[in-house]
Amino acid sequence: MTKVHVLIDPEKAILRRSRVLALEKPHSGSFRAFKNWFRDKKPLRGSGWHLLDDEDDMISLHVETDPDRLSAFIQCYFSYHLRKERATPPSWGPMYYYPAERIAWIVAALCAIISVILLIGAIVILYFVRPIEQRLGVVGSFTFLFAAAIALLTNARRVEVFGAAAA
């Protein structure tokens, strides 16, 4: 039997380690689902049982971006109704997929509806209100509602909310 000697280039090893350390933690919802599946199905026994105890020990090869608030709300409270079943081995039990495209489509539709309501609502109310003081109040109210909708329903930064409200 021959022995194979592998020489490790220290620079390559350092670069590989830095790339691994740069990987991010998994999204907490994804990690929780992963951990619950392993706890229910028990594929790891013995010393492997505690591998999933500390979330800080986990890394993810692909980290999803944090969804905006409206997407997170729909995903949290209505994803059960949007699920699709996936074909899996029988020992795994039923496994579901929650397509992000459906949630994105719903969020886009809701944002369009809210935008139209704010825009048309402001125009209609301004048509019926005559005194200039009340008109200024209506403009201020709808500007506030628009800024609040952007701030509460999206991940917009404060400067982006100010810019959109000013526009």
C-alpha atoms as a PDB file:
ATOM      1  CA  MET A   1       0.000   0.000   0.000  1.00  0.00           C
ATOM      2  CA  THR A   2       1.386   3.373  -0.952  1.00  0.00           C
ATOM      3  CA  LYS A   3       1.003   6.457   1.114  1.00  0.00           C
ATOM      4  CA  VAL A   4      -0.118   9.608  -0.570  1.00  0.00           C
ATOM      5  CA  HIS A   5       1.291  12.812   0.818  1.00  0.00           C
ATOM      6  CA  VAL A   6      -0.854  15.853   0.248  1.00  0.00           C
ATOM      7  CA  LEU A   7       0.824  19.182   0.571  1.00  0.00           C
ATOM      8  CA  ILE A   8      -1.443  21.970   1.677  1.00  0.00           C
ATOM      9  CA  ASP A   9      -0.648  25.423   0.413  1.00  0.00           C
ATOM     10  CA  PRO A  10      -0.966  27.718   3.472  1.00  0.00           C
ATOM     11  CA  GLU A  11      -2.244  30.660   1.405  1.00  0.00           C
ATOM     12  CA  LYS A  12      -5.005  28.561  -0.151  1.00  0.00           C
ATOM     13  CA  ALA A  13      -5.941  27.174   3.253  1.00  0.00           C
ATOM     14  CA  ILE A  14      -6.187  30.678   4.721  1.00  0.00           C
ATOM     15  CA  LEU A  15      -8.318  31.865   1.793  1.00  0.00           C
ATOM     16  CA  ARG A  16     -10.634  28.861   2.116  1.00  0.00           C
ATOM     17  CA  ARG A  17     -11.003  29.432   5.840  1.00  0.00           C
ATOM     18  CA  SER A  18     -11.791  33.118   5.349  1.00  0.00           C
ATOM     19  CA  ARG A  19     -14.476  32.219   2.777  1.00  0.00           C
ATOM     20  CA  VAL A  20     -16.053  29.733   5.182  1.00  0.00           C
ATOM     21  CA  LEU A  21     -15.978  32.263   8.027  1.00  0.00           C
ATOM     22  CA  ALA A  22     -17.590  34.854   5.754  1.00  0.00           C
ATOM     23  CA  LEU A  23     -20.656  32.641   5.238  1.00  0.00           C
ATOM     24  CA  GLU A  24     -23.707  33.971   7.016  1.00  0.00           C
ATOM     25  CA  LYS A  25     -26.002  32.343   9.529  1.00  0.00           C
ATOM     26  CA  PRO A  26     -29.197  30.819   8.160  1.00  0.00           C
ATOM     27  CA  HIS A  27     -32.431  32.780   8.356  1.00  0.00           C
ATOM     28  CA  SER A  28     -33.991  32.059  11.769  1.00  0.00           C
ATOM     29  CA  GLY A  29     -37.255  30.757  10.256  1.00  0.00           C
ATOM     30  CA  SER A  30     -35.406  28.393   7.935  1.00  0.00           C
ATOM     31  CA  PHE A  31     -33.190  27.161  10.759  1.00  0.00           C
ATOM     32  CA  ARG A  32     -36.203  26.594  13.036  1.00  0.00           C
ATOM     33  CA  ALA A  33     -37.976  24.545  10.342  1.00  0.00           C
ATOM     34  CA  PHE A  34     -34.798  22.554   9.671  1.00  0.00           C
ATOM     35  CA  LYS A  35     -34.260  21.917  13.383  1.00  0.00           C
ATOM     36  CA  ASN A  36     -37.887  20.901  13.956  1.00  0.00           C
ATOM     37  CA  TRP A  37     -37.715  18.424  11.060  1.00  0.00           C
ATOM     38  CA  PHE A  38     -34.578  16.832  12.522  1.00  0.00           C
ATOM     39  CA  ARG A  39     -36.129  16.707  15.994  1.00  0.00           C
ATOM     40  CA  ASP A  40     -39.317  15.065  14.653  1.00  0.00           C
ATOM     41  CA  LYS A  41     -37.688  12.538  12.287  1.00  0.00           C
ATOM     42  CA  LYS A  42     -34.634  11.852  14.468  1.00  0.00           C
ATOM     43  CA  PRO A  43     -32.107  11.024  11.728  1.00  0.00           C
ATOM     44  CA  LEU A  44     -29.241  11.846  14.105  1.00  0.00           C
ATOM     45  CA  ARG A  45     -28.692   9.656  17.132  1.00  0.00           C
ATOM     46  CA  GLY A  46     -26.096   9.643  19.861  1.00  0.00           C
ATOM     47  CA  SER A  47     -23.628  12.522  19.889  1.00  0.00           C
ATOM     48  CA  GLY A  48     -25.103  13.927  16.670  1.00  0.00           C
ATOM     49  CA  TRP A  49     -28.339  14.764  18.493  1.00  0.00           C
ATOM     50  CA  HIS A  50     -26.878  18.013  19.871  1.00  0.00           C
ATOM     51  CA  LEU A  51     -25.472  19.304  16.578  1.00  0.00           C
ATOM     52  CA  LEU A  52     -28.442  21.626  16.100  1.00  0.00           C
ATOM     53  CA  ASP A  53     -28.535  23.064  19.615  1.00  0.00           C
ATOM     54  CA  ASP A  54     -26.632  26.271  18.861  1.00  0.00           C
ATOM     55  CA  GLU A  55     -27.773  28.369  15.899  1.00  0.00           C
ATOM     56  CA  ASP A  56     -24.453  30.248  15.958  1.00  0.00           C
ATOM     57  CA  ASP A  57     -22.686  27.028  14.897  1.00  0.00           C
ATOM     58  CA  MET A  58     -24.647  26.909  11.636  1.00  0.00           C
ATOM     59  CA  ILE A  59     -23.814  28.511   8.305  1.00  0.00           C
ATOM     60  CA  SER A  60     -25.812  28.778   5.138  1.00  0.00           C
ATOM     61  CA  LEU A  61     -24.551  28.529   1.592  1.00  0.00           C
ATOM     62  CA  HIS A  62     -27.437  30.706   0.408  1.00  0.00           C
ATOM     63  CA  VAL A  63     -28.950  33.278   2.727  1.00  0.00           C
ATOM     64  CA  GLU A  64     -32.262  34.747   1.732  1.00  0.00           C
ATOM     65  CA  THR A  65     -32.643  38.472   2.112  1.00  0.00           C
ATOM     66  CA  ASP A  66     -34.936  39.620   4.866  1.00  0.00           C
ATOM     67  CA  PRO A  67     -38.376  40.198   3.413  1.00  0.00           C
ATOM     68  CA  ASP A  68     -40.129  43.520   3.757  1.00  0.00           C
ATOM     69  CA  ARG A  69     -42.686  43.826   6.554  1.00  0.00           C
ATOM     70  CA  LEU A  70     -45.722  43.115   4.397  1.00  0.00           C
ATOM     71  CA  SER A  71     -44.110  39.999   2.890  1.00  0.00           C
ATOM     72  CA  ALA A  72     -43.078  38.810   6.352  1.00  0.00           C
ATOM     73  CA  PHE A  73     -46.629  39.356   7.644  1.00  0.00           C
ATOM     74  CA  ILE A  74     -48.184  37.400   4.773  1.00  0.00           C
ATOM     75  CA  GLN A  75     -45.559  34.675   5.066  1.00  0.00           C
ATOM     76  CA  CYS A  76     -46.104  34.364   8.813  1.00  0.00           C
ATOM     77  CA  TYR A  77     -49.905  34.370   8.904  1.00  0.00           C
ATOM     78  CA  PHE A  78     -51.064  33.167   5.484  1.00  0.00           C
ATOM     79  CA  SER A  79     -48.309  30.891   4.127  1.00  0.00           C
ATOM     80  CA  TYR A  80     -50.260  27.806   5.178  1.00  0.00           C
ATOM     81  CA  HIS A  81     -52.828  28.661   2.494  1.00  0.00           C
ATOM     82  CA  LEU A  82     -50.133  29.187  -0.166  1.00  0.00           C
ATOM     83  CA  ARG A  83     -48.192  25.950   0.357  1.00  0.00           C
ATOM     84  CA  LYS A  84     -47.463  23.321  -2.277  1.00  0.00           C
ATOM     85  CA  GLU A  85     -46.708  19.710  -1.419  1.00  0.00           C
ATOM     86  CA  ARG A  86     -43.394  18.312  -2.605  1.00  0.00           C
ATOM     87  CA  ALA A  87     -42.638  14.719  -3.533  1.00  0.00           C
ATOM     88  CA  THR A  88     -40.374  13.298  -0.828  1.00  0.00           C
ATOM     89  CA  PRO A  89     -39.398   9.837   0.377  1.00  0.00           C
ATOM     90  CA  PRO A  90     -42.209   8.265   2.422  1.00  0.00           C
ATOM     91  CA  SER A  91     -40.060   8.153   5.562  1.00  0.00           C
ATOM     92  CA  TRP A  92     -39.821  11.959   5.549  1.00  0.00           C
ATOM     93  CA  GLY A  93     -43.571  12.426   5.793  1.00  0.00           C
ATOM     94  CA  PRO A  94     -45.336  15.294   4.054  1.00  0.00           C
ATOM     95  CA  MET A  95     -43.085  18.188   3.145  1.00  0.00           C
ATOM     96  CA  TYR A  96     -44.338  21.519   1.868  1.00  0.00           C
ATOM     97  CA  TYR A  97     -42.845  24.253  -0.251  1.00  0.00           C
ATOM     98  CA  TYR A  98     -43.873  27.872   0.187  1.00  0.00           C
ATOM     99  CA  PRO A  99     -43.268  29.570  -3.162  1.00  0.00           C
ATOM    100  CA  ALA A 100     -41.863  33.073  -2.769  1.00  0.00           C
ATOM    101  CA  GLU A 101     -43.330  34.050  -6.159  1.00  0.00           C
ATOM    102  CA  ARG A 102     -46.872  33.788  -4.800  1.00  0.00           C
ATOM    103  CA  ILE A 103     -46.076  35.985  -1.823  1.00  0.00           C
ATOM    104  CA  ALA A 104     -44.283  38.504  -4.061  1.00  0.00           C
ATOM    105  CA  TRP A 105     -47.292  38.630  -6.390  1.00  0.00           C
ATOM    106  CA  ILE A 106     -49.704  39.193  -3.475  1.00  0.00           C
ATOM    107  CA  VAL A 107     -47.476  41.916  -2.012  1.00  0.00           C
ATOM    108  CA  ALA A 108     -47.200  43.663  -5.389  1.00  0.00           C
ATOM    109  CA  ALA A 109     -50.988  43.573  -5.807  1.00  0.00           C
ATOM    110  CA  LEU A 110     -51.599  44.903  -2.273  1.00  0.00           C
ATOM    111  CA  CYS A 111     -49.055  47.695  -2.748  1.00  0.00           C
ATOM    112  CA  ALA A 112     -50.683  48.694  -6.040  1.00  0.00           C
ATOM    113  CA  ILE A 113     -54.134  48.727  -4.416  1.00  0.00           C
ATOM    114  CA  ILE A 114     -52.909  50.815  -1.460  1.00  0.00           C
ATOM    115  CA  SER A 115     -51.154  53.253  -3.807  1.00  0.00           C
ATOM    116  CA  VAL A 116     -54.253  53.663  -5.977  1.00  0.00           C
ATOM    117  CA  ILE A 117     -56.494  54.166  -2.939  1.00  0.00           C
ATOM    118  CA  LEU A 118     -54.187  56.864  -1.560  1.00  0.00           C
ATOM    119  CA  LEU A 119     -53.813  58.622  -4.917  1.00  0.00           C
ATOM    120  CA  ILE A 120     -57.457  58.506  -6.033  1.00  0.00           C
ATOM    121  CA  GLY A 121     -58.677  59.164  -2.482  1.00  0.00           C
ATOM    122  CA  ALA A 122     -56.620  62.361  -2.269  1.00  0.00           C
ATOM    123  CA  ILE A 123     -57.842  63.596  -5.663  1.00  0.00           C
ATOM    124  CA  VAL A 124     -61.513  62.877  -4.930  1.00  0.00           C
ATOM    125  CA  ILE A 125     -61.434  64.463  -1.476  1.00  0.00           C
ATOM    126  CA  LEU A 126     -59.581  67.523  -2.794  1.00  0.00           C
ATOM    127  CA  TYR A 127     -62.293  67.896  -5.453  1.00  0.00           C
ATOM    128  CA  PHE A 128     -65.026  68.173  -2.815  1.00  0.00           C
ATOM    129  CA  VAL A 129     -63.157  70.266  -0.225  1.00  0.00           C
ATOM    130  CA  ARG A 130     -63.228  73.999  -0.980  1.00  0.00           C
ATOM    131  CA  PRO A 131     -61.652  75.989   1.880  1.00  0.00           C
ATOM    132  CA  ILE A 132     -57.892  76.214   1.391  1.00  0.00           C
ATOM    133  CA  GLU A 133     -57.174  75.420   5.056  1.00  0.00           C
ATOM    134  CA  GLN A 134     -59.038  72.117   4.761  1.00  0.00           C
ATOM    135  CA  ARG A 135     -57.312  71.341   1.455  1.00  0.00           C
ATOM    136  CA  LEU A 136     -53.922  71.815   3.103  1.00  0.00           C
ATOM    137  CA  GLY A 137     -55.046  69.498   5.892  1.00  0.00           C
ATOM    138  CA  VAL A 138     -56.105  66.862   3.333  1.00  0.00           C
ATOM    139  CA  VAL A 139     -52.778  67.140   1.495  1.00  0.00           C
ATOM    140  CA  GLY A 140     -50.892  66.814   4.804  1.00  0.00           C
ATOM    141  CA  SER A 141     -53.023  63.852   5.886  1.00  0.00           C
ATOM    142  CA  PHE A 142     -52.536  61.953   2.644  1.00  0.00           C
ATOM    143  CA  THR A 143     -48.798  62.729   2.638  1.00  0.00           C
ATOM    144  CA  PHE A 144     -48.618  61.310   6.174  1.00  0.00           C
ATOM    145  CA  LEU A 145     -50.597  58.198   5.142  1.00  0.00           C
ATOM    146  CA  PHE A 146     -48.316  57.688   2.133  1.00  0.00           C
ATOM    147  CA  ALA A 147     -45.144  58.017   4.241  1.00  0.00           C
ATOM    148  CA  ALA A 148     -46.611  55.710   6.906  1.00  0.00           C
ATOM    149  CA  ALA A 149     -47.501  53.106   4.265  1.00  0.00           C
ATOM    150  CA  ILE A 150     -43.956  53.170   2.892  1.00  0.00           C
ATOM    151  CA  ALA A 151     -42.370  53.045   6.350  1.00  0.00           C
ATOM    152  CA  LEU A 152     -44.594  50.260   7.692  1.00  0.00           C
ATOM    153  CA  LEU A 153     -44.996  48.040   4.639  1.00  0.00           C
ATOM    154  CA  THR A 154     -41.495  48.110   3.172  1.00  0.00           C
ATOM    155  CA  ASN A 155     -37.873  47.954   4.304  1.00  0.00           C
ATOM    156  CA  ALA A 156     -37.306  51.513   3.133  1.00  0.00           C
ATOM    157  CA  ARG A 157     -34.729  53.481   5.039  1.00  0.00           C
ATOM    158  CA  ARG A 158     -35.672  56.759   6.656  1.00  0.00           C
ATOM    159  CA  VAL A 159     -34.050  58.822   3.898  1.00  0.00           C
ATOM    160  CA  GLU A 160     -36.028  56.907   1.259  1.00  0.00           C
ATOM    161  CA  VAL A 161     -39.290  57.565   3.121  1.00  0.00           C
ATOM    162  CA  PHE A 162     -38.461  61.305   3.263  1.00  0.00           C
ATOM    163  CA  GLY A 163     -37.597  61.332  -0.444  1.00  0.00           C
ATOM    164  CA  ALA A 164     -40.782  59.516  -1.484  1.00  0.00           C
ATOM    165  CA  ALA A 165     -42.969  61.756   0.700  1.00  0.00           C
ATOM    166  CA  ALA A 166     -41.314  64.874  -0.676  1.00  0.00           C
ATOM    167  CA  ALA A 167     -41.849  63.723  -4.243  1.00  0.00           C
END
